[in-house]
Structure formats: C-alpha cells, structure tokens
PDB file of N, CA and C in Angstrom:
ATOM      1  N   MET A   1     102.885  64.509-314.630  1.00  0.00           N
ATOM      2  CA  MET A   1     101.537  64.018-314.492  1.00  0.00           C
ATOM      3  C   MET A   1     100.763  64.856-313.466  1.00  0.00           C
ATOM      4  N   THR A   2     101.459  65.230-312.394  1.00  0.00           N
ATOM      5  CA  THR A   2     100.814  66.037-311.363  1.00  0.00           C
ATOM      6  C   THR A   2     100.391  67.388-311.920  1.00  0.00           C
ATOM      7  N   THR A   3     101.252  67.964-312.746  1.00  0.00           N
ATOM      8  CA  THR A   3     100.927  69.260-313.343  1.00  0.00           C
ATOM      9  C   THR A   3      99.682  69.153-314.217  1.00  0.00           C
ATOM     10  N   PHE A   4      99.591  68.080-314.972  1.00  0.00           N
ATOM     11  CA  PHE A   4      98.430  67.890-315.832  1.00  0.00           C
ATOM     12  C   PHE A   4      97.147  67.729-315.000  1.00  0.00           C
ATOM     13  N   LEU A   5      97.243  66.955-313.933  1.00  0.00           N
ATOM     14  CA  LEU A   5      96.066  66.763-313.082  1.00  0.00           C
ATOM     15  C   LEU A   5      95.635  68.069-312.412  1.00  0.00           C
ATOM     16  N   LEU A   6      96.614  68.877-312.006  1.00  0.00           N
ATOM     17  CA  LEU A   6      96.280  70.185-311.431  1.00  0.00           C
ATOM     18  C   LEU A   6      95.631  71.091-312.473  1.00  0.00           C
ATOM     19  N   TRP A   7      96.114  71.009-313.709  1.00  0.00           N
ATOM     20  CA  TRP A   7      95.512  71.827-314.774  1.00  0.00           C
ATOM     21  C   TRP A   7      94.074  71.371-315.051  1.00  0.00           C
ATOM     22  N   VAL A   8      93.848  70.066-315.061  1.00  0.00           N
ATOM     23  CA  VAL A   8      92.483  69.563-315.271  1.00  0.00           C
ATOM     24  C   VAL A   8      91.569  70.013-314.138  1.00  0.00           C
ATOM     25  N   LEU A   9      92.074  69.999-312.912  1.00  0.00           N
ATOM     26  CA  LEU A   9      91.292  70.488-311.780  1.00  0.00           C
ATOM     27  C   LEU A   9      90.975  71.973-311.948  1.00  0.00           C
ATOM     28  N   LEU A  10      91.962  72.740-312.396  1.00  0.00           N
ATOM     29  CA  LEU A  10      91.723  74.158-312.664  1.00  0.00           C
ATOM     30  C   LEU A  10      90.728  74.336-313.803  1.00  0.00           C
ATOM     31  N   LEU A  11      90.775  73.473-314.790  1.00  0.00           N
ATOM     32  CA  LEU A  11      89.825  73.535-315.902  1.00  0.00           C
ATOM     33  C   LEU A  11      88.403  73.306-315.413  1.00  0.00           C
ATOM     34  N   VAL A  12      88.229  72.399-314.492  1.00  0.00           N
ATOM     35  CA  VAL A  12      86.899  72.120-313.954  1.00  0.00           C
ATOM     36  C   VAL A  12      86.419  73.283-313.088  1.00  0.00           C
ATOM     37  N   VAL A  13      87.316  73.837-312.285  1.00  0.00           N
ATOM     38  CA  VAL A  13      86.920  74.881-311.344  1.00  0.00           C
ATOM     39  C   VAL A  13      86.737  76.228-312.045  1.00  0.00           C
ATOM     40  N   CYS A  14      87.715  76.597-312.876  1.00  0.00           N
ATOM     41  CA  CYS A  14      87.663  77.915-313.525  1.00  0.00           C
ATOM     42  C   CYS A  14      88.272  77.795-314.915  1.00  0.00           C
ATOM     43  N   TRP A  15      87.445  77.442-315.886  1.00  0.00           N
ATOM     44  CA  TRP A  15      87.963  77.158-317.220  1.00  0.00           C
ATOM     45  C   TRP A  15      88.593  78.355-317.926  1.00  0.00           C
ATOM     46  N   PRO A  16      88.143  79.617-317.730  1.00  0.00           N
ATOM     47  CA  PRO A  16      88.847  80.709-318.414  1.00  0.00           C
ATOM     48  C   PRO A  16      90.287  80.880-317.926  1.00  0.00           C
ATOM     49  N   LEU A  17      90.496  80.695-316.637  1.00  0.00           N
ATOM     50  CA  LEU A  17      91.849  80.800-316.093  1.00  0.00           C
ATOM     51  C   LEU A  17      92.730  79.660-316.593  1.00  0.00           C
ATOM     52  N   ALA A  18      92.170  78.478-316.722  1.00  0.00           N
ATOM     53  CA  ALA A  18      92.932  77.332-317.228  1.00  0.00           C
ATOM     54  C   ALA A  18      93.329  77.553-318.692  1.00  0.00           C
ATOM     55  N   LEU A  19      92.423  78.090-319.494  1.00  0.00           N
ATOM     56  CA  LEU A  19      92.764  78.364-320.894  1.00  0.00           C
ATOM     57  C   LEU A  19      93.781  79.488-321.005  1.00  0.00           C
ATOM     58  N   LEU A  20      93.676  80.495-320.141  1.00  0.00           N
ATOM     59  CA  LEU A  20      94.674  81.570-320.122  1.00  0.00           C
ATOM     60  C   LEU A  20      96.045  81.024-319.749  1.00  0.00           C
ATOM     61  N   ALA A  21      96.088  80.142-318.761  1.00  0.00           N
ATOM     62  CA  ALA A  21      97.359  79.527-318.372  1.00  0.00           C
ATOM     63  C   ALA A  21      97.942  78.706-319.521  1.00  0.00           C
ATOM     64  N   LEU A  22      97.079  78.042-320.271  1.00  0.00           N
ATOM     65  CA  LEU A  22      97.528  77.234-321.401  1.00  0.00           C
ATOM     66  C   LEU A  22      98.134  78.102-322.500  1.00  0.00           C
ATOM     67  N   VAL A  23      97.592  79.295-322.696  1.00  0.00           N
ATOM     68  CA  VAL A  23      98.095  80.204-323.733  1.00  0.00           C
ATOM     69  C   VAL A  23      99.347  80.930-323.271  1.00  0.00           C
ATOM     70  N   VAL A  24      99.403  81.309-321.994  1.00  0.00           N
ATOM     71  CA  VAL A  24     100.509  82.130-321.484  1.00  0.00           C
ATOM     72  C   VAL A  24     101.754  81.299-321.176  1.00  0.00           C
ATOM     73  N   TRP A  25     101.590  80.014-320.833  1.00  0.00           N
ATOM     74  CA  TRP A  25     102.723  79.189-320.406  1.00  0.00           C
ATOM     75  C   TRP A  25     103.886  79.155-321.401  1.00  0.00           C
ATOM     76  N   PRO A  26     103.690  79.032-322.715  1.00  0.00           N
ATOM     77  CA  PRO A  26     104.842  79.039-323.631  1.00  0.00           C
ATOM     78  C   PRO A  26     105.640  80.345-323.578  1.00  0.00           C
ATOM     79  N   PHE A  27     104.967  81.469-323.369  1.00  0.00           N
ATOM     80  CA  PHE A  27     105.675  82.738-323.275  1.00  0.00           C
ATOM     81  C   PHE A  27     106.486  82.824-321.986  1.00  0.00           C
ATOM     82  N   VAL A  28     105.940  82.314-320.911  1.00  0.00           N
ATOM     83  CA  VAL A  28     106.677  82.277-319.637  1.00  0.00           C
ATOM     84  C   VAL A  28     107.908  81.385-319.783  1.00  0.00           C
ATOM     85  N   TRP A  29     107.757  80.265-320.467  1.00  0.00           N
ATOM     86  CA  TRP A  29     108.878  79.348-320.684  1.00  0.00           C
ATOM     87  C   TRP A  29     109.968  80.027-321.508  1.00  0.00           C
ATOM     88  N   LEU A  30     109.560  80.756-322.553  1.00  0.00           N
ATOM     89  CA  LEU A  30     110.548  81.461-323.380  1.00  0.00           C
ATOM     90  C   LEU A  30     111.263  82.560-322.607  1.00  0.00           C
ATOM     91  N   LEU A  31     110.546  83.253-321.732  1.00  0.00           N
ATOM     92  CA  LEU A  31     111.180  84.298-320.937  1.00  0.00           C
ATOM     93  C   LEU A  31     112.129  83.724-319.887  1.00  0.00           C
ATOM     94  N   SER A  32     111.857  82.541-319.369  1.00  0.00           N
ATOM     95  CA  SER A  32     112.720  81.953-318.342  1.00  0.00           C
ATOM     96  C   SER A  32     113.927  81.230-318.935  1.00  0.00           C
ATOM     97  N   LEU A  33     113.933  80.977-320.219  1.00  0.00           N
ATOM     98  CA  LEU A  33     115.015  80.236-320.852  1.00  0.00           C
ATOM     99  C   LEU A  33     116.388  80.901-320.674  1.00  0.00           C
ATOM    100  N   PRO A  34     116.538  82.212-320.883  1.00  0.00           N
ATOM    101  CA  PRO A  34     117.863  82.816-320.665  1.00  0.00           C
ATOM    102  C   PRO A  34     118.361  82.670-319.230  1.00  0.00           C
ATOM    103  N   PHE A  35     117.469  82.739-318.254  1.00  0.00           N
ATOM    104  CA  PHE A  35     117.886  82.591-316.863  1.00  0.00           C
ATOM    105  C   PHE A  35     118.379  81.179-316.586  1.00  0.00           C
ATOM    106  N   ARG A  36     117.741  80.193-317.196  1.00  0.00           N
ATOM    107  CA  ARG A  36     118.209  78.814-317.032  1.00  0.00           C
ATOM    108  C   ARG A  36     119.573  78.625-317.681  1.00  0.00           C
ATOM    109  N   LEU A  37     119.785  79.239-318.847  1.00  0.00           N
ATOM    110  CA  LEU A  37     121.085  79.132-319.503  1.00  0.00           C
ATOM    111  C   LEU A  37     122.178  79.792-318.665  1.00  0.00           C
ATOM    112  N   VAL A  38     121.875  80.925-318.052  1.00  0.00           N
ATOM    113  CA  VAL A  38     122.846  81.583-317.171  1.00  0.00           C
ATOM    114  C   VAL A  38     123.136  80.691-315.971  1.00  0.00           C
ATOM    115  N   GLY A  39     122.125  80.042-315.422  1.00  0.00           N
ATOM    116  CA  GLY A  39     122.325  79.135-314.296  1.00  0.00           C
ATOM    117  C   GLY A  39     123.215  77.957-314.659  1.00  0.00           C
ATOM    118  N   ILE A  40     123.003  77.386-315.823  1.00  0.00           N
ATOM    119  CA  ILE A  40     123.834  76.270-316.283  1.00  0.00           C
ATOM    120  C   ILE A  40     125.273  76.726-316.466  1.00  0.00           C
ATOM    121  N   THR A  41     125.443  77.934-317.024  1.00  0.00           N
ATOM    122  CA  THR A  41     126.787  78.465-317.249  1.00  0.00           C
ATOM    123  C   THR A  41     127.519  78.682-315.935  1.00  0.00           C
ATOM    124  N   PHE A  42     126.845  79.277-314.950  1.00  0.00           N
ATOM    125  CA  PHE A  42     127.492  79.510-313.664  1.00  0.00           C
ATOM    126  C   PHE A  42     127.795  78.199-312.950  1.00  0.00           C
ATOM    127  N   SER A  43     126.933  77.224-313.068  1.00  0.00           N
ATOM    128  CA  SER A  43     127.183  75.931-312.463  1.00  0.00           C
ATOM    129  C   SER A  43     128.439  75.290-313.061  1.00  0.00           C
ATOM    130  N   ALA A  44     128.569  75.359-314.364  1.00  0.00           N
ATOM    131  CA  ALA A  44     129.754  74.810-315.024  1.00  0.00           C
ATOM    132  C   ALA A  44     131.007  75.593-314.635  1.00  0.00           C
ATOM    133  N   LEU A  45     130.896  76.905-314.517  1.00  0.00           N
ATOM    134  CA  LEU A  45     132.036  77.731-314.124  1.00  0.00           C
ATOM    135  C   LEU A  45     132.505  77.381-312.720  1.00  0.00           C
ATOM    136  N   PHE A  46     131.574  77.225-311.783  1.00  0.00           N
ATOM    137  CA  PHE A  46     131.950  76.882-310.413  1.00  0.00           C
ATOM    138  C   PHE A  46     132.536  75.477-310.330  1.00  0.00           C
ATOM    139  N   ALA A  47     132.035  74.547-311.113  1.00  0.00           N
ATOM    140  CA  ALA A  47     132.603  73.198-311.140  1.00  0.00           C
ATOM    141  C   ALA A  47     134.028  73.235-311.678  1.00  0.00           C
ATOM    142  N   PHE A  48     134.264  74.047-312.695  1.00  0.00           N
ATOM    143  CA  PHE A  48     135.606  74.187-313.250  1.00  0.00           C
ATOM    144  C   PHE A  48     136.562  74.803-312.238  1.00  0.00           C
ATOM    145  N   LEU A  49     136.121  75.863-311.556  1.00  0.00           N
ATOM    146  CA  LEU A  49     136.977  76.503-310.551  1.00  0.00           C
ATOM    147  C   LEU A  49     137.280  75.551-309.394  1.00  0.00           C
ATOM    148  N   ARG A  50     136.295  74.768-308.978  1.00  0.00           N
ATOM    149  CA  ARG A  50     136.519  73.801-307.901  1.00  0.00           C
ATOM    150  C   ARG A  50     137.547  72.761-308.335  1.00  0.00           C
ATOM    151  N   ALA A  51     137.423  72.256-309.550  1.00  0.00           N
ATOM    152  CA  ALA A  51     138.381  71.271-310.049  1.00  0.00           C
ATOM    153  C   ALA A  51     139.776  71.880-310.155  1.00  0.00           C
ATOM    154  N   LEU A  52     139.845  73.130-310.565  1.00  0.00           N
ATOM    155  CA  LEU A  52     141.133  73.804-310.705  1.00  0.00           C
ATOM    156  C   LEU A  52     141.785  74.029-309.348  1.00  0.00           C
ATOM    157  N   LEU A  53     141.002  74.397-308.344  1.00  0.00           N
ATOM    158  CA  LEU A  53     141.554  74.641-307.015  1.00  0.00           C
ATOM    159  C   LEU A  53     141.987  73.346-306.319  1.00  0.00           C
ATOM    160  N   PHE A  54     141.288  72.251-306.570  1.00  0.00           N
ATOM    161  CA  PHE A  54     141.637  70.991-305.936  1.00  0.00           C
ATOM    162  C   PHE A  54     142.633  70.162-306.744  1.00  0.00           C
ATOM    163  N   LEU A  55     143.085  70.675-307.883  1.00  0.00           N
ATOM    164  CA  LEU A  55     144.017  69.923-308.717  1.00  0.00           C
ATOM    165  C   LEU A  55     145.331  69.625-308.002  1.00  0.00           C
ATOM    166  N   PRO A  56     145.966  70.607-307.311  1.00  0.00           N
ATOM    167  CA  PRO A  56     147.222  70.261-306.622  1.00  0.00           C
ATOM    168  C   PRO A  56     147.041  69.154-305.588  1.00  0.00           C
ATOM    169  N   ALA A  57     145.945  69.156-304.860  1.00  0.00           N
ATOM    170  CA  ALA A  57     145.712  68.108-303.870  1.00  0.00           C
ATOM    171  C   ALA A  57     145.526  66.754-304.548  1.00  0.00           C
ATOM    172  N   ARG A  58     144.876  66.733-305.679  1.00  0.00           N
ATOM    173  CA  ARG A  58     144.680  65.465-306.381  1.00  0.00           C
ATOM    174  C   ARG A  58     145.989  64.943-306.954  1.00  0.00           C
ATOM    175  N   VAL A  59     146.836  65.876-307.443  1.00  0.00           N
ATOM    176  CA  VAL A  59     148.120  65.456-308.005  1.00  0.00           C
ATOM    177  C   VAL A  59     149.020  64.898-306.908  1.00  0.00           C
ATOM    178  N   LEU A  60     149.013  65.535-305.732  1.00  0.00           N
ATOM    179  CA  LEU A  60     149.858  65.075-304.622  1.00  0.00           C
ATOM    180  C   LEU A  60     149.257  63.907-303.862  1.00  0.00           C
ATOM    181  N   GLY A  61     148.071  63.494-304.211  1.00  0.00           N
ATOM    182  CA  GLY A  61     147.458  62.317-303.585  1.00  0.00           C
ATOM    183  C   GLY A  61     146.757  62.643-302.285  1.00  0.00           C
ATOM    184  N   GLY A  62     146.323  63.849-302.111  1.00  0.00           N
ATOM    185  CA  GLY A  62     145.631  64.217-300.884  1.00  0.00           C
ATOM    186  C   GLY A  62     144.315  63.483-300.740  1.00  0.00           C
ATOM    187  N   GLY A  63     143.997  63.083-299.534  1.00  0.00           N
ATOM    188  CA  GLY A  63     142.739  62.402-299.280  1.00  0.00           C
ATOM    189  C   GLY A  63     142.818  60.903-299.378  1.00  0.00           C
ATOM    190  N   ARG A  64     143.899  60.373-299.930  1.00  0.00           N
ATOM    191  CA  ARG A  64     144.063  58.924-300.008  1.00  0.00           C
ATOM    192  C   ARG A  64     144.645  58.416-298.708  1.00  0.00           C
ATOM    193  N   ARG A  65     144.045  57.402-298.136  1.00  0.00           N
ATOM    194  CA  ARG A  65     144.551  56.806-296.902  1.00  0.00           C
ATOM    195  C   ARG A  65     145.428  55.617-297.260  1.00  0.00           C
ATOM    196  N   PRO A  66     146.483  55.406-296.490  1.00  0.00           N
ATOM    197  CA  PRO A  66     147.331  54.222-296.773  1.00  0.00           C
ATOM    198  C   PRO A  66     146.559  52.932-296.505  1.00  0.00           C
ATOM    199  N   ALA A  67     146.857  51.947-297.294  1.00  0.00           N
ATOM    200  CA  ALA A  67     146.166  50.652-297.162  1.00  0.00           C
ATOM    201  C   ALA A  67     146.599  49.992-295.863  1.00  0.00           C
ATOM    202  N   THR A  68     145.636  49.460-295.158  1.00  0.00           N
ATOM    203  CA  THR A  68     145.957  48.746-293.908  1.00  0.00           C
ATOM    204  C   THR A  68     145.964  47.250-294.174  1.00  0.00           C
ATOM    205  N   ALA A  69     146.840  46.596-293.498  1.00  0.00           N
ATOM    206  CA  ALA A  69     147.004  45.151-293.729  1.00  0.00           C
ATOM    207  C   ALA A  69     146.027  44.325-292.971  1.00  0.00           C
TER     208      ALA A  69
END
C-alpha cells in the first residue's frame, strides 16, 4: 500500500517519471528474478550444511538439560 501511495505522489509531482517507472518496473523485476533464485538456493544450501554439521550433536543429545525434580 505504501508503494502505491508513493507512486500516486510521484504521479502528482512528475507524471512522466511515474509513467516511466510503471513501464520499466516489470523489466527490473524480470532482471532481478535470477538473483533472488540464487539467494534462495544459497539459503537452502547453508541450512542443509548447518543441519548436517549439527547432526552428531542432535543424535548424541547435545543441548538437552537433565530434568530437575
């Protein structure tokens, strides 16, 4: 909603720039899509490596405190 209100403000102040932004935005989104996919892939890779490295500690029960009476 904030983005829309900012665009309307830009439309009032400088309508050619607002229309240019409206036309160019889909191309910017398409160009940024591969970078977002790479980011998602690296995030998943790091989560997998973290789980793999902490697996022995989880199997041996590391981090669990004994129950107190």
